[in-house]
PDB file of N, CA and C in Angstrom:
ATOM      1  N   MET A   1       0.664  -1.265   0.059  1.00  0.00           N
ATOM      2  CA  MET A   1      -0.018  -0.076  -0.040  1.00  0.00           C
ATOM      3  C   MET A   1       0.798   1.335   0.001  1.00  0.00           C
ATOM      4  N   ASP A   2       0.670   2.122  -0.764  1.00  0.00           N
ATOM      5  CA  ASP A   2       1.516   3.451  -0.888  1.00  0.00           C
ATOM      6  C   ASP A   2       1.133   4.397   0.123  1.00  0.00           C
ATOM      7  N   ASP A   3       1.878   5.346   0.262  1.00  0.00           N
ATOM      8  CA  ASP A   3       1.470   6.604   1.229  1.00  0.00           C
ATOM      9  C   ASP A   3       0.305   7.145   1.198  1.00  0.00           C
ATOM     10  N   LYS A   4      -0.011   7.406  -0.092  1.00  0.00           N
ATOM     11  CA  LYS A   4      -1.535   7.971  -0.143  1.00  0.00           C
ATOM     12  C   LYS A   4      -2.622   7.072   0.459  1.00  0.00           C
ATOM     13  N   GLN A   5      -2.535   5.948  -0.316  1.00  0.00           N
ATOM     14  CA  GLN A   5      -3.449   4.903   0.366  1.00  0.00           C
ATOM     15  C   GLN A   5      -3.597   5.002   1.781  1.00  0.00           C
ATOM     16  N   LEU A   6      -2.323   4.794   2.530  1.00  0.00           N
ATOM     17  CA  LEU A   6      -2.327   4.825   3.800  1.00  0.00           C
ATOM     18  C   LEU A   6      -2.930   5.907   4.601  1.00  0.00           C
ATOM     19  N   LEU A   7      -2.566   7.032   3.948  1.00  0.00           N
ATOM     20  CA  LEU A   7      -3.482   8.506   4.519  1.00  0.00           C
ATOM     21  C   LEU A   7      -4.882   8.371   4.409  1.00  0.00           C
ATOM     22  N   ILE A   8      -5.390   7.997   3.054  1.00  0.00           N
ATOM     23  CA  ILE A   8      -6.625   7.710   3.094  1.00  0.00           C
ATOM     24  C   ILE A   8      -7.438   6.984   4.184  1.00  0.00           C
ATOM     25  N   GLU A   9      -6.716   5.637   4.301  1.00  0.00           N
ATOM     26  CA  GLU A   9      -7.062   4.781   5.350  1.00  0.00           C
ATOM     27  C   GLU A   9      -7.241   5.312   6.802  1.00  0.00           C
ATOM     28  N   LYS A  10      -5.951   6.013   7.062  1.00  0.00           N
ATOM     29  CA  LYS A  10      -5.964   6.711   8.385  1.00  0.00           C
ATOM     30  C   LYS A  10      -7.255   7.682   8.802  1.00  0.00           C
ATOM     31  N   TYR A  11      -7.685   8.264   7.724  1.00  0.00           N
ATOM     32  CA  TYR A  11      -8.588   9.148   7.954  1.00  0.00           C
ATOM     33  C   TYR A  11     -10.094   8.866   7.825  1.00  0.00           C
ATOM     34  N   HIS A  12     -10.042   7.558   7.210  1.00  0.00           N
ATOM     35  CA  HIS A  12     -11.160   6.613   6.905  1.00  0.00           C
ATOM     36  C   HIS A  12     -12.197   7.410   5.936  1.00  0.00           C
ATOM     37  N   LEU A  13     -11.542   7.860   4.773  1.00  0.00           N
ATOM     38  CA  LEU A  13     -11.993   8.675   3.705  1.00  0.00           C
ATOM     39  C   LEU A  13     -13.000   7.562   2.909  1.00  0.00           C
ATOM     40  N   ILE A  14     -13.834   8.027   2.387  1.00  0.00           N
ATOM     41  CA  ILE A  14     -15.018   7.180   1.651  1.00  0.00           C
ATOM     42  C   ILE A  14     -14.721   7.614   0.261  1.00  0.00           C
ATOM     43  N   HIS A  15     -14.662   6.893  -0.928  1.00  0.00           N
ATOM     44  CA  HIS A  15     -14.607   7.145  -2.427  1.00  0.00           C
ATOM     45  C   HIS A  15     -15.938   7.002  -3.217  1.00  0.00           C
ATOM     46  N   GLU A  16     -16.612   8.098  -3.459  1.00  0.00           N
ATOM     47  CA  GLU A  16     -17.601   7.937  -4.423  1.00  0.00           C
ATOM     48  C   GLU A  16     -17.832   9.180  -5.222  1.00  0.00           C
ATOM     49  N   ASN A  17     -18.261   8.750  -6.520  1.00  0.00           N
ATOM     50  CA  ASN A  17     -18.591   9.866  -7.635  1.00  0.00           C
ATOM     51  C   ASN A  17     -17.336  10.545  -7.732  1.00  0.00           C
ATOM     52  N   ASN A  18     -16.258   9.761  -7.877  1.00  0.00           N
ATOM     53  CA  ASN A  18     -14.898  10.526  -8.274  1.00  0.00           C
ATOM     54  C   ASN A  18     -14.518  11.598  -7.208  1.00  0.00           C
ATOM     55  N   ALA A  19     -14.657  11.109  -6.241  1.00  0.00           N
ATOM     56  CA  ALA A  19     -14.168  11.985  -5.009  1.00  0.00           C
ATOM     57  C   ALA A  19     -14.123  11.572  -3.677  1.00  0.00           C
ATOM     58  N   TRP A  20     -13.208  12.060  -2.798  1.00  0.00           N
ATOM     59  CA  TRP A  20     -13.004  11.558  -1.436  1.00  0.00           C
ATOM     60  C   TRP A  20     -13.854  12.232  -0.417  1.00  0.00           C
ATOM     61  N   TYR A  21     -14.517  11.641   0.584  1.00  0.00           N
ATOM     62  CA  TYR A  21     -15.358  12.294   1.442  1.00  0.00           C
ATOM     63  C   TYR A  21     -14.938  11.895   2.951  1.00  0.00           C
ATOM     64  N   SER A  22     -15.297  12.694   3.664  1.00  0.00           N
ATOM     65  CA  SER A  22     -15.368  12.239   5.344  1.00  0.00           C
ATOM     66  C   SER A  22     -16.557  12.207   5.639  1.00  0.00           C
ATOM     67  N   ASP A  23     -16.951  10.983   6.254  1.00  0.00           N
ATOM     68  CA  ASP A  23     -18.215  10.792   6.910  1.00  0.00           C
ATOM     69  C   ASP A  23     -18.182  10.246   8.074  1.00  0.00           C
ATOM     70  N   ARG A  24     -17.976  11.088   9.166  1.00  0.00           N
ATOM     71  CA  ARG A  24     -17.644  10.663  10.396  1.00  0.00           C
ATOM     72  C   ARG A  24     -18.737  10.596  11.419  1.00  0.00           C
ATOM     73  N   GLU A  25     -18.803   9.958  12.338  1.00  0.00           N
ATOM     74  CA  GLU A  25     -20.170   9.980  13.269  1.00  0.00           C
ATOM     75  C   GLU A  25     -20.483  11.180  13.966  1.00  0.00           C
ATOM     76  N   ASN A  26     -21.371  11.664  13.980  1.00  0.00           N
ATOM     77  CA  ASN A  26     -21.826  13.166  14.579  1.00  0.00           C
ATOM     78  C   ASN A  26     -21.308  14.427  13.598  1.00  0.00           C
ATOM     79  N   SER A  27     -21.349  13.951  12.306  1.00  0.00           N
ATOM     80  CA  SER A  27     -20.960  15.272  11.447  1.00  0.00           C
ATOM     81  C   SER A  27     -21.630  15.073  10.077  1.00  0.00           C
ATOM     82  N   HIS A  28     -21.731  15.870   9.234  1.00  0.00           N
ATOM     83  CA  HIS A  28     -22.270  15.545   7.709  1.00  0.00           C
ATOM     84  C   HIS A  28     -21.051  15.082   7.177  1.00  0.00           C
ATOM     85  N   LYS A  29     -21.369  14.526   6.060  1.00  0.00           N
ATOM     86  CA  LYS A  29     -20.443  13.948   5.247  1.00  0.00           C
ATOM     87  C   LYS A  29     -19.916  15.309   4.209  1.00  0.00           C
ATOM     88  N   HIS A  30     -18.762  15.535   4.107  1.00  0.00           N
ATOM     89  CA  HIS A  30     -18.137  16.630   3.316  1.00  0.00           C
ATOM     90  C   HIS A  30     -17.096  16.070   2.423  1.00  0.00           C
ATOM     91  N   LEU A  31     -17.002  16.822   1.413  1.00  0.00           N
ATOM     92  CA  LEU A  31     -16.058  16.587   0.364  1.00  0.00           C
ATOM     93  C   LEU A  31     -14.828  17.045   0.881  1.00  0.00           C
ATOM     94  N   ILE A  32     -13.684  16.199   0.714  1.00  0.00           N
ATOM     95  CA  ILE A  32     -12.361  16.568   0.984  1.00  0.00           C
ATOM     96  C   ILE A  32     -11.556  16.960  -0.283  1.00  0.00           C
ATOM     97  N   PHE A  33     -11.542  15.867  -1.291  1.00  0.00           N
ATOM     98  CA  PHE A  33     -10.785  16.399  -2.389  1.00  0.00           C
ATOM     99  C   PHE A  33     -11.520  15.525  -3.540  1.00  0.00           C
ATOM    100  N   LYS A  34     -11.453  16.056  -4.870  1.00  0.00           N
ATOM    101  CA  LYS A  34     -11.877  15.107  -6.046  1.00  0.00           C
ATOM    102  C   LYS A  34     -10.504  14.234  -6.267  1.00  0.00           C
ATOM    103  N   ASP A  35     -11.000  13.296  -7.130  1.00  0.00           N
ATOM    104  CA  ASP A  35      -9.736  12.387  -7.737  1.00  0.00           C
ATOM    105  C   ASP A  35      -8.715  13.098  -8.477  1.00  0.00           C
ATOM    106  N   SER A  36      -9.046  14.174  -9.135  1.00  0.00           N
ATOM    107  CA  SER A  36      -7.934  15.131  -9.769  1.00  0.00           C
ATOM    108  C   SER A  36      -6.937  15.608  -8.885  1.00  0.00           C
ATOM    109  N   PHE A  37      -7.427  16.030  -7.943  1.00  0.00           N
ATOM    110  CA  PHE A  37      -6.610  16.631  -6.846  1.00  0.00           C
ATOM    111  C   PHE A  37      -5.757  15.398  -6.379  1.00  0.00           C
ATOM    112  N   TYR A  38      -6.454  14.351  -6.003  1.00  0.00           N
ATOM    113  CA  TYR A  38      -5.599  13.175  -5.548  1.00  0.00           C
ATOM    114  C   TYR A  38      -4.665  12.576  -6.275  1.00  0.00           C
ATOM    115  N   GLU A  39      -4.752  12.738  -7.568  1.00  0.00           N
ATOM    116  CA  GLU A  39      -3.963  12.125  -8.451  1.00  0.00           C
ATOM    117  C   GLU A  39      -2.455  13.267  -8.771  1.00  0.00           C
ATOM    118  N   LYS A  40      -2.962  14.463  -8.857  1.00  0.00           N
ATOM    119  CA  LYS A  40      -2.014  15.571  -9.068  1.00  0.00           C
ATOM    120  C   LYS A  40      -1.083  15.821  -7.807  1.00  0.00           C
ATOM    121  N   ASN A  41      -1.649  15.476  -6.486  1.00  0.00           N
ATOM    122  CA  ASN A  41      -0.777  16.069  -5.424  1.00  0.00           C
ATOM    123  C   ASN A  41       0.009  14.668  -4.811  1.00  0.00           C
ATOM    124  N   ASP A  42       0.896  15.498  -4.084  1.00  0.00           N
ATOM    125  CA  ASP A  42       1.872  14.520  -3.197  1.00  0.00           C
ATOM    126  C   ASP A  42       1.172  14.277  -1.718  1.00  0.00           C
ATOM    127  N   VAL A  43       1.746  13.503  -1.078  1.00  0.00           N
ATOM    128  CA  VAL A  43       1.061  13.060   0.506  1.00  0.00           C
ATOM    129  C   VAL A  43       1.081  14.369   1.281  1.00  0.00           C
ATOM    130  N   LEU A  44       1.946  15.336   1.148  1.00  0.00           N
ATOM    131  CA  LEU A  44       2.022  16.552   1.682  1.00  0.00           C
ATOM    132  C   LEU A  44       0.635  17.623   1.363  1.00  0.00           C
ATOM    133  N   GLY A  45       0.591  17.291   0.171  1.00  0.00           N
ATOM    134  CA  GLY A  45      -0.613  18.343  -0.415  1.00  0.00           C
ATOM    135  C   GLY A  45      -1.912  17.748   0.081  1.00  0.00           C
ATOM    136  N   LEU A  46      -2.128  16.318  -0.123  1.00  0.00           N
ATOM    137  CA  LEU A  46      -3.312  15.438   0.457  1.00  0.00           C
ATOM    138  C   LEU A  46      -3.391  15.758   2.297  1.00  0.00           C
ATOM    139  N   LEU A  47      -2.212  15.678   2.680  1.00  0.00           N
ATOM    140  CA  LEU A  47      -2.370  15.769   4.110  1.00  0.00           C
ATOM    141  C   LEU A  47      -2.838  17.294   4.631  1.00  0.00           C
ATOM    142  N   PHE A  48      -2.316  18.152   4.028  1.00  0.00           N
ATOM    143  CA  PHE A  48      -2.394  19.635   4.166  1.00  0.00           C
ATOM    144  C   PHE A  48      -3.990  20.124   3.714  1.00  0.00           C
ATOM    145  N   ARG A  49      -4.470  19.459   2.559  1.00  0.00           N
ATOM    146  CA  ARG A  49      -5.881  19.852   2.358  1.00  0.00           C
ATOM    147  C   ARG A  49      -6.877  18.787   3.384  1.00  0.00           C
ATOM    148  N   ILE A  50      -6.532  17.807   3.995  1.00  0.00           N
ATOM    149  CA  ILE A  50      -7.420  16.946   4.898  1.00  0.00           C
ATOM    150  C   ILE A  50      -7.314  17.947   6.253  1.00  0.00           C
ATOM    151  N   ASN A  51      -6.339  18.609   6.597  1.00  0.00           N
ATOM    152  CA  ASN A  51      -6.256  19.518   7.613  1.00  0.00           C
ATOM    153  C   ASN A  51      -6.645  20.801   7.484  1.00  0.00           C
ATOM    154  N   LYS A  52      -7.018  21.095   6.100  1.00  0.00           N
ATOM    155  CA  LYS A  52      -7.729  22.315   6.008  1.00  0.00           C
ATOM    156  C   LYS A  52      -6.614  23.920   6.017  1.00  0.00           C
ATOM    157  N   LEU A  53      -5.505  23.313   5.468  1.00  0.00           N
ATOM    158  CA  LEU A  53      -4.425  24.260   5.345  1.00  0.00           C
ATOM    159  C   LEU A  53      -4.309  24.621   4.076  1.00  0.00           C
ATOM    160  N   CYS A  54      -3.992  26.145   3.958  1.00  0.00           N
ATOM    161  CA  CYS A  54      -3.762  26.946   2.493  1.00  0.00           C
ATOM    162  C   CYS A  54      -2.736  26.554   2.084  1.00  0.00           C
ATOM    163  N   GLY A  55      -3.016  26.950   0.697  1.00  0.00           N
ATOM    164  CA  GLY A  55      -1.671  26.926  -0.257  1.00  0.00           C
ATOM    165  C   GLY A  55      -0.477  27.555  -0.149  1.00  0.00           C
ATOM    166  N   ALA A  56      -0.547  28.567   0.624  1.00  0.00           N
ATOM    167  CA  ALA A  56       0.860  29.204   1.052  1.00  0.00           C
ATOM    168  C   ALA A  56       1.467  28.279   2.040  1.00  0.00           C
ATOM    169  N   LYS A  57       0.678  27.482   2.889  1.00  0.00           N
ATOM    170  CA  LYS A  57       1.339  26.631   3.906  1.00  0.00           C
ATOM    171  C   LYS A  57       1.871  25.356   3.149  1.00  0.00           C
ATOM    172  N   VAL A  58       1.210  24.880   2.062  1.00  0.00           N
ATOM    173  CA  VAL A  58       1.635  23.874   1.373  1.00  0.00           C
ATOM    174  C   VAL A  58       3.044  24.171   0.808  1.00  0.00           C
ATOM    175  N   LYS A  59       2.935  25.164  -0.108  1.00  0.00           N
ATOM    176  CA  LYS A  59       4.043  25.670  -0.753  1.00  0.00           C
ATOM    177  C   LYS A  59       5.285  25.800  -0.012  1.00  0.00           C
ATOM    178  N   TYR A  60       5.188  26.291   1.181  1.00  0.00           N
ATOM    179  CA  TYR A  60       6.384  26.677   2.013  1.00  0.00           C
ATOM    180  C   TYR A  60       6.946  25.204   2.449  1.00  0.00           C
ATOM    181  N   PHE A  61       5.797  24.486   3.212  1.00  0.00           N
ATOM    182  CA  PHE A  61       6.279  23.505   3.593  1.00  0.00           C
ATOM    183  C   PHE A  61       6.986  22.170   2.696  1.00  0.00           C
ATOM    184  N   ARG A  62       6.247  22.342   1.233  1.00  0.00           N
ATOM    185  CA  ARG A  62       6.754  21.484   0.244  1.00  0.00           C
ATOM    186  C   ARG A  62       8.435  21.758  -0.120  1.00  0.00           C
ATOM    187  N   ALA A  63       8.693  23.118   0.266  1.00  0.00           N
ATOM    188  CA  ALA A  63       9.980  23.460  -0.142  1.00  0.00           C
ATOM    189  C   ALA A  63      10.914  23.230   0.906  1.00  0.00           C
ATOM    190  N   ASN A  64      10.277  23.023   2.087  1.00  0.00           N
ATOM    191  CA  ASN A  64      11.374  23.037   3.172  1.00  0.00           C
ATOM    192  C   ASN A  64      11.097  21.721   4.075  1.00  0.00           C
ATOM    193  N   ILE A  65      10.220  20.645   3.606  1.00  0.00           N
ATOM    194  CA  ILE A  65       9.869  19.824   4.313  1.00  0.00           C
ATOM    195  C   ILE A  65      11.324  18.887   5.172  1.00  0.00           C
ATOM    196  N   ASP A  66      12.514  18.783   4.292  1.00  0.00           N
ATOM    197  CA  ASP A  66      13.580  18.394   4.972  1.00  0.00           C
ATOM    198  C   ASP A  66      14.058  19.010   6.279  1.00  0.00           C
ATOM    199  N   LYS A  67      13.697  20.142   6.488  1.00  0.00           N
ATOM    200  CA  LYS A  67      13.828  20.953   7.702  1.00  0.00           C
ATOM    201  C   LYS A  67      13.129  20.420   8.778  1.00  0.00           C
ATOM    202  N   PHE A  68      12.032  19.552   8.642  1.00  0.00           N
ATOM    203  CA  PHE A  68      11.053  19.243   9.464  1.00  0.00           C
ATOM    204  C   PHE A  68      11.105  17.481   9.677  1.00  0.00           C
ATOM    205  N   GLU A  69      10.965  17.365  10.879  1.00  0.00           N
ATOM    206  CA  GLU A  69      10.515  15.849  11.240  1.00  0.00           C
ATOM    207  C   GLU A  69       9.000  15.606  11.455  1.00  0.00           C
ATOM    208  N   PRO A  70       8.302  14.635  10.757  1.00  0.00           N
ATOM    209  CA  PRO A  70       6.920  14.313  11.053  1.00  0.00           C
ATOM    210  C   PRO A  70       6.908  13.474  12.587  1.00  0.00           C
ATOM    211  N   LEU A  71       5.655  14.097  13.303  1.00  0.00           N
ATOM    212  CA  LEU A  71       5.692  13.338  14.453  1.00  0.00           C
ATOM    213  C   LEU A  71       4.155  13.091  14.641  1.00  0.00           C
ATOM    214  N   LYS A  72       3.897  12.113  15.693  1.00  0.00           N
ATOM    215  CA  LYS A  72       2.460  12.214  16.285  1.00  0.00           C
ATOM    216  C   LYS A  72       2.970  11.710  17.768  1.00  0.00           C
ATOM    217  N   TYR A  73       1.739  11.829  18.450  1.00  0.00           N
ATOM    218  CA  TYR A  73       1.767  11.818  19.688  1.00  0.00           C
ATOM    219  C   TYR A  73       1.453  10.595  20.497  1.00  0.00           C
ATOM    220  N   ASP A  74       2.134   9.905  21.165  1.00  0.00           N
ATOM    221  CA  ASP A  74       1.845   8.750  21.836  1.00  0.00           C
ATOM    222  C   ASP A  74       1.810   9.136  23.430  1.00  0.00           C
ATOM    223  N   TYR A  75       0.905   8.484  23.950  1.00  0.00           N
ATOM    224  CA  TYR A  75       0.446   8.806  25.463  1.00  0.00           C
ATOM    225  C   TYR A  75       1.606   8.303  26.260  1.00  0.00           C
ATOM    226  N   LYS A  76       2.264   6.927  25.865  1.00  0.00           N
ATOM    227  CA  LYS A  76       3.086   6.605  26.619  1.00  0.00           C
ATOM    228  C   LYS A  76       4.608   6.863  25.979  1.00  0.00           C
ATOM    229  N   ASN A  77       4.835   7.398  24.987  1.00  0.00           N
ATOM    230  CA  ASN A  77       6.258   7.664  24.643  1.00  0.00           C
ATOM    231  C   ASN A  77       6.451   9.068  24.176  1.00  0.00           C
ATOM    232  N   GLY A  78       5.212   9.891  24.390  1.00  0.00           N
ATOM    233  CA  GLY A  78       5.537  11.153  23.925  1.00  0.00           C
ATOM    234  C   GLY A  78       5.409  11.395  22.415  1.00  0.00           C
ATOM    235  N   PHE A  79       6.219  12.406  21.889  1.00  0.00           N
ATOM    236  CA  PHE A  79       6.296  12.635  20.316  1.00  0.00           C
ATOM    237  C   PHE A  79       7.072  11.455  19.937  1.00  0.00           C
ATOM    238  N   VAL A  80       6.660  10.804  19.018  1.00  0.00           N
ATOM    239  CA  VAL A  80       7.461   9.728  18.035  1.00  0.00           C
ATOM    240  C   VAL A  80       7.556  10.072  16.738  1.00  0.00           C
ATOM    241  N   SER A  81       8.652   9.864  15.928  1.00  0.00           N
ATOM    242  CA  SER A  81       8.807  10.046  14.693  1.00  0.00           C
ATOM    243  C   SER A  81       8.017   9.061  13.844  1.00  0.00           C
ATOM    244  N   VAL A  82       7.363   9.524  12.928  1.00  0.00           N
ATOM    245  CA  VAL A  82       6.500   8.765  11.952  1.00  0.00           C
ATOM    246  C   VAL A  82       6.694   9.076  10.272  1.00  0.00           C
ATOM    247  N   PRO A  83       6.179   8.163   9.708  1.00  0.00           N
ATOM    248  CA  PRO A  83       6.262   8.905   7.998  1.00  0.00           C
ATOM    249  C   PRO A  83       5.328  10.035   7.903  1.00  0.00           C
ATOM    250  N   LEU A  84       5.586  10.864   6.855  1.00  0.00           N
ATOM    251  CA  LEU A  84       4.763  11.990   6.847  1.00  0.00           C
ATOM    252  C   LEU A  84       3.203  11.802   6.703  1.00  0.00           C
ATOM    253  N   TRP A  85       2.865  10.379   6.139  1.00  0.00           N
ATOM    254  CA  TRP A  85       1.462  10.390   5.710  1.00  0.00           C
ATOM    255  C   TRP A  85       0.465  10.204   7.340  1.00  0.00           C
ATOM    256  N   ASP A  86       1.587   9.769   7.932  1.00  0.00           N
ATOM    257  CA  ASP A  86       0.812   9.659   9.424  1.00  0.00           C
ATOM    258  C   ASP A  86       0.981  10.872  10.520  1.00  0.00           C
ATOM    259  N   ALA A  87       1.550  11.967  10.181  1.00  0.00           N
ATOM    260  CA  ALA A  87       1.974  12.855  10.904  1.00  0.00           C
ATOM    261  C   ALA A  87       0.636  13.548  11.406  1.00  0.00           C
ATOM    262  N   ASP A  88       0.754  14.092  12.792  1.00  0.00           N
ATOM    263  CA  ASP A  88      -0.057  15.041  13.322  1.00  0.00           C
ATOM    264  C   ASP A  88       0.475  16.381  13.627  1.00  0.00           C
ATOM    265  N   PHE A  89       1.992  16.395  13.612  1.00  0.00           N
ATOM    266  CA  PHE A  89       3.143  17.626  14.169  1.00  0.00           C
ATOM    267  C   PHE A  89       4.176  17.429  13.256  1.00  0.00           C
ATOM    268  N   LEU A  90       4.549  18.618  13.097  1.00  0.00           N
ATOM    269  CA  LEU A  90       5.923  18.698  12.034  1.00  0.00           C
ATOM    270  C   LEU A  90       6.979  19.580  13.260  1.00  0.00           C
ATOM    271  N   LYS A  91       8.000  18.710  13.488  1.00  0.00           N
ATOM    272  CA  LYS A  91       9.215  19.438  14.394  1.00  0.00           C
ATOM    273  C   LYS A  91      10.222  20.054  13.457  1.00  0.00           C
ATOM    274  N   HIS A  92      10.254  21.363  13.766  1.00  0.00           N
ATOM    275  CA  HIS A  92      11.337  22.094  12.952  1.00  0.00           C
ATOM    276  C   HIS A  92      12.774  21.750  13.606  1.00  0.00           C
ATOM    277  N   ARG A  93      13.573  20.937  12.980  1.00  0.00           N
ATOM    278  CA  ARG A  93      14.828  20.308  13.263  1.00  0.00           C
ATOM    279  C   ARG A  93      15.693  21.566  14.220  1.00  0.00           C
ATOM    280  N   ALA A  94      15.932  22.554  13.228  1.00  0.00           N
ATOM    281  CA  ALA A  94      16.841  23.429  13.893  1.00  0.00           C
ATOM    282  C   ALA A  94      16.692  24.181  15.261  1.00  0.00           C
ATOM    283  N   SER A  95      15.166  24.646  15.533  1.00  0.00           N
ATOM    284  CA  SER A  95      14.612  25.391  16.367  1.00  0.00           C
ATOM    285  C   SER A  95      13.963  24.184  17.699  1.00  0.00           C
ATOM    286  N   GLY A  96      13.594  22.955  17.225  1.00  0.00           N
ATOM    287  CA  GLY A  96      12.799  22.215  18.038  1.00  0.00           C
ATOM    288  C   GLY A  96      11.684  22.557  18.264  1.00  0.00           C
ATOM    289  N   TYR A  97      11.033  23.731  17.606  1.00  0.00           N
ATOM    290  CA  TYR A  97       9.468  23.871  17.677  1.00  0.00           C
ATOM    291  C   TYR A  97       8.693  22.604  17.060  1.00  0.00           C
ATOM    292  N   ILE A  98       7.653  22.487  17.881  1.00  0.00           N
ATOM    293  CA  ILE A  98       6.612  21.385  17.272  1.00  0.00           C
ATOM    294  C   ILE A  98       5.467  22.115  16.833  1.00  0.00           C
ATOM    295  N   LEU A  99       5.074  22.035  15.518  1.00  0.00           N
ATOM    296  CA  LEU A  99       3.967  22.745  15.124  1.00  0.00           C
ATOM    297  C   LEU A  99       2.617  21.758  15.118  1.00  0.00           C
ATOM    298  N   ASP A 100       1.755  22.007  15.587  1.00  0.00           N
ATOM    299  CA  ASP A 100       0.725  21.089  15.254  1.00  0.00           C
ATOM    300  C   ASP A 100      -0.033  21.731  14.128  1.00  0.00           C
ATOM    301  N   PHE A 101      -0.624  20.684  13.524  1.00  0.00           N
ATOM    302  CA  PHE A 101      -1.833  21.243  12.404  1.00  0.00           C
ATOM    303  C   PHE A 101      -2.774  21.885  12.705  1.00  0.00           C
ATOM    304  N   ARG A 102      -3.449  21.698  13.709  1.00  0.00           N
ATOM    305  CA  ARG A 102      -4.491  22.492  14.387  1.00  0.00           C
ATOM    306  C   ARG A 102      -3.924  23.985  14.513  1.00  0.00           C
ATOM    307  N   TYR A 103      -2.854  24.209  15.058  1.00  0.00           N
ATOM    308  CA  TYR A 103      -1.989  25.463  15.171  1.00  0.00           C
ATOM    309  C   TYR A 103      -2.151  26.120  14.017  1.00  0.00           C
ATOM    310  N   LEU A 104      -1.561  25.497  13.129  1.00  0.00           N
ATOM    311  CA  LEU A 104      -1.293  26.109  11.582  1.00  0.00           C
ATOM    312  C   LEU A 104      -2.591  26.473  10.779  1.00  0.00           C
ATOM    313  N   GLN A 105      -3.771  25.836  11.338  1.00  0.00           N
ATOM    314  CA  GLN A 105      -5.105  26.029  10.909  1.00  0.00           C
ATOM    315  C   GLN A 105      -5.461  27.762  11.514  1.00  0.00           C
ATOM    316  N   THR A 106      -5.096  27.866  12.560  1.00  0.00           N
ATOM    317  CA  THR A 106      -5.536  29.174  13.329  1.00  0.00           C
ATOM    318  C   THR A 106      -4.942  30.247  12.588  1.00  0.00           C
ATOM    319  N   ILE A 107      -3.553  30.105  11.933  1.00  0.00           N
ATOM    320  CA  ILE A 107      -2.948  31.626  11.324  1.00  0.00           C
ATOM    321  C   ILE A 107      -3.629  31.654  10.034  1.00  0.00           C
ATOM    322  N   THR A 108      -4.569  32.659   9.966  1.00  0.00           N
ATOM    323  CA  THR A 108      -5.233  32.947   8.799  1.00  0.00           C
ATOM    324  C   THR A 108      -4.814  34.423   8.176  1.00  0.00           C
ATOM    325  N   VAL A 109      -3.964  35.035   8.616  1.00  0.00           N
ATOM    326  CA  VAL A 109      -3.451  36.419   8.217  1.00  0.00           C
ATOM    327  C   VAL A 109      -2.087  36.067   7.588  1.00  0.00           C
ATOM    328  N   TYR A 110      -1.775  36.252   6.214  1.00  0.00           N
ATOM    329  CA  TYR A 110      -0.831  35.691   5.458  1.00  0.00           C
ATOM    330  C   TYR A 110       0.592  36.379   6.131  1.00  0.00           C
ATOM    331  N   GLU A 111       0.613  37.353   6.540  1.00  0.00           N
ATOM    332  CA  GLU A 111       1.546  38.135   7.281  1.00  0.00           C
ATOM    333  C   GLU A 111       2.028  37.373   8.437  1.00  0.00           C
ATOM    334  N   ASP A 112       1.199  36.956   9.209  1.00  0.00           N
ATOM    335  CA  ASP A 112       1.402  35.985  10.640  1.00  0.00           C
ATOM    336  C   ASP A 112       1.967  34.904  10.123  1.00  0.00           C
ATOM    337  N   PHE A 113       1.874  34.215   9.004  1.00  0.00           N
ATOM    338  CA  PHE A 113       2.669  33.118   8.558  1.00  0.00           C
ATOM    339  C   PHE A 113       3.513  33.434   7.953  1.00  0.00           C
ATOM    340  N   VAL A 114       4.030  34.352   7.272  1.00  0.00           N
ATOM    341  CA  VAL A 114       5.474  35.013   6.738  1.00  0.00           C
ATOM    342  C   VAL A 114       6.341  35.442   8.239  1.00  0.00           C
ATOM    343  N   ALA A 115       5.701  35.638   9.185  1.00  0.00           N
ATOM    344  CA  ALA A 115       6.591  35.999  10.379  1.00  0.00           C
ATOM    345  C   ALA A 115       6.940  34.724  10.883  1.00  0.00           C
ATOM    346  N   LEU A 116       6.135  33.958  10.812  1.00  0.00           N
ATOM    347  CA  LEU A 116       6.312  32.359  11.696  1.00  0.00           C
ATOM    348  C   LEU A 116       7.685  31.722  10.615  1.00  0.00           C
ATOM    349  N   CYS A 117       7.370  32.039   9.311  1.00  0.00           N
ATOM    350  CA  CYS A 117       8.417  31.303   8.388  1.00  0.00           C
ATOM    351  C   CYS A 117       9.703  32.025   8.516  1.00  0.00           C
ATOM    352  N   GLU A 118       9.509  33.214   8.776  1.00  0.00           N
ATOM    353  CA  GLU A 118      10.913  34.120   8.978  1.00  0.00           C
ATOM    354  C   GLU A 118      11.677  33.812  10.192  1.00  0.00           C
ATOM    355  N   GLU A 119      10.591  33.238  11.399  1.00  0.00           N
ATOM    356  CA  GLU A 119      11.273  32.987  12.450  1.00  0.00           C
ATOM    357  C   GLU A 119      12.102  31.700  12.613  1.00  0.00           C
ATOM    358  N   LEU A 120      11.477  30.864  11.766  1.00  0.00           N
ATOM    359  CA  LEU A 120      11.868  29.388  11.573  1.00  0.00           C
ATOM    360  C   LEU A 120      12.985  29.605  10.950  1.00  0.00           C
ATOM    361  N   GLU A 121      13.153  30.215   9.701  1.00  0.00           N
ATOM    362  CA  GLU A 121      14.302  30.333   9.131  1.00  0.00           C
ATOM    363  C   GLU A 121      15.602  31.015   9.536  1.00  0.00           C
ATOM    364  N   GLY A 122      15.019  32.018  10.931  1.00  0.00           N
ATOM    365  CA  GLY A 122      16.101  32.595  11.449  1.00  0.00           C
ATOM    366  C   GLY A 122      17.088  31.672  12.390  1.00  0.00           C
ATOM    367  N   ARG A 123      16.524  30.411  12.450  1.00  0.00           N
ATOM    368  CA  ARG A 123      17.097  29.489  13.653  1.00  0.00           C
ATOM    369  C   ARG A 123      18.074  28.766  13.029  1.00  0.00           C
TER     370      ARG A 123
END
């Protein structure tokens, strides 16, 4: 199974009508992406779409992904290194800062994101 398929499985996405949907308990079914988006994008693009992150963030992290370590949190072991498809966090290697995808969602002003990028690049 390739990384894209593992990502689809992790988020329990459903495929119908040439598109992928989230249909979780206690929420309405909603479109995540169409097949054309799935085919054209890499795991990072899909992961950021699932997490509702904008194109500027995709562009920055795609260009700088080698500066980050994908992580998820395990209640017994703390943060553990994982493949990108399984990540919930990205650790900036130089600074040690851990960025949560939910935190990245809260950055809605472009200048605020640029300031974050500049801070990371200054480390």
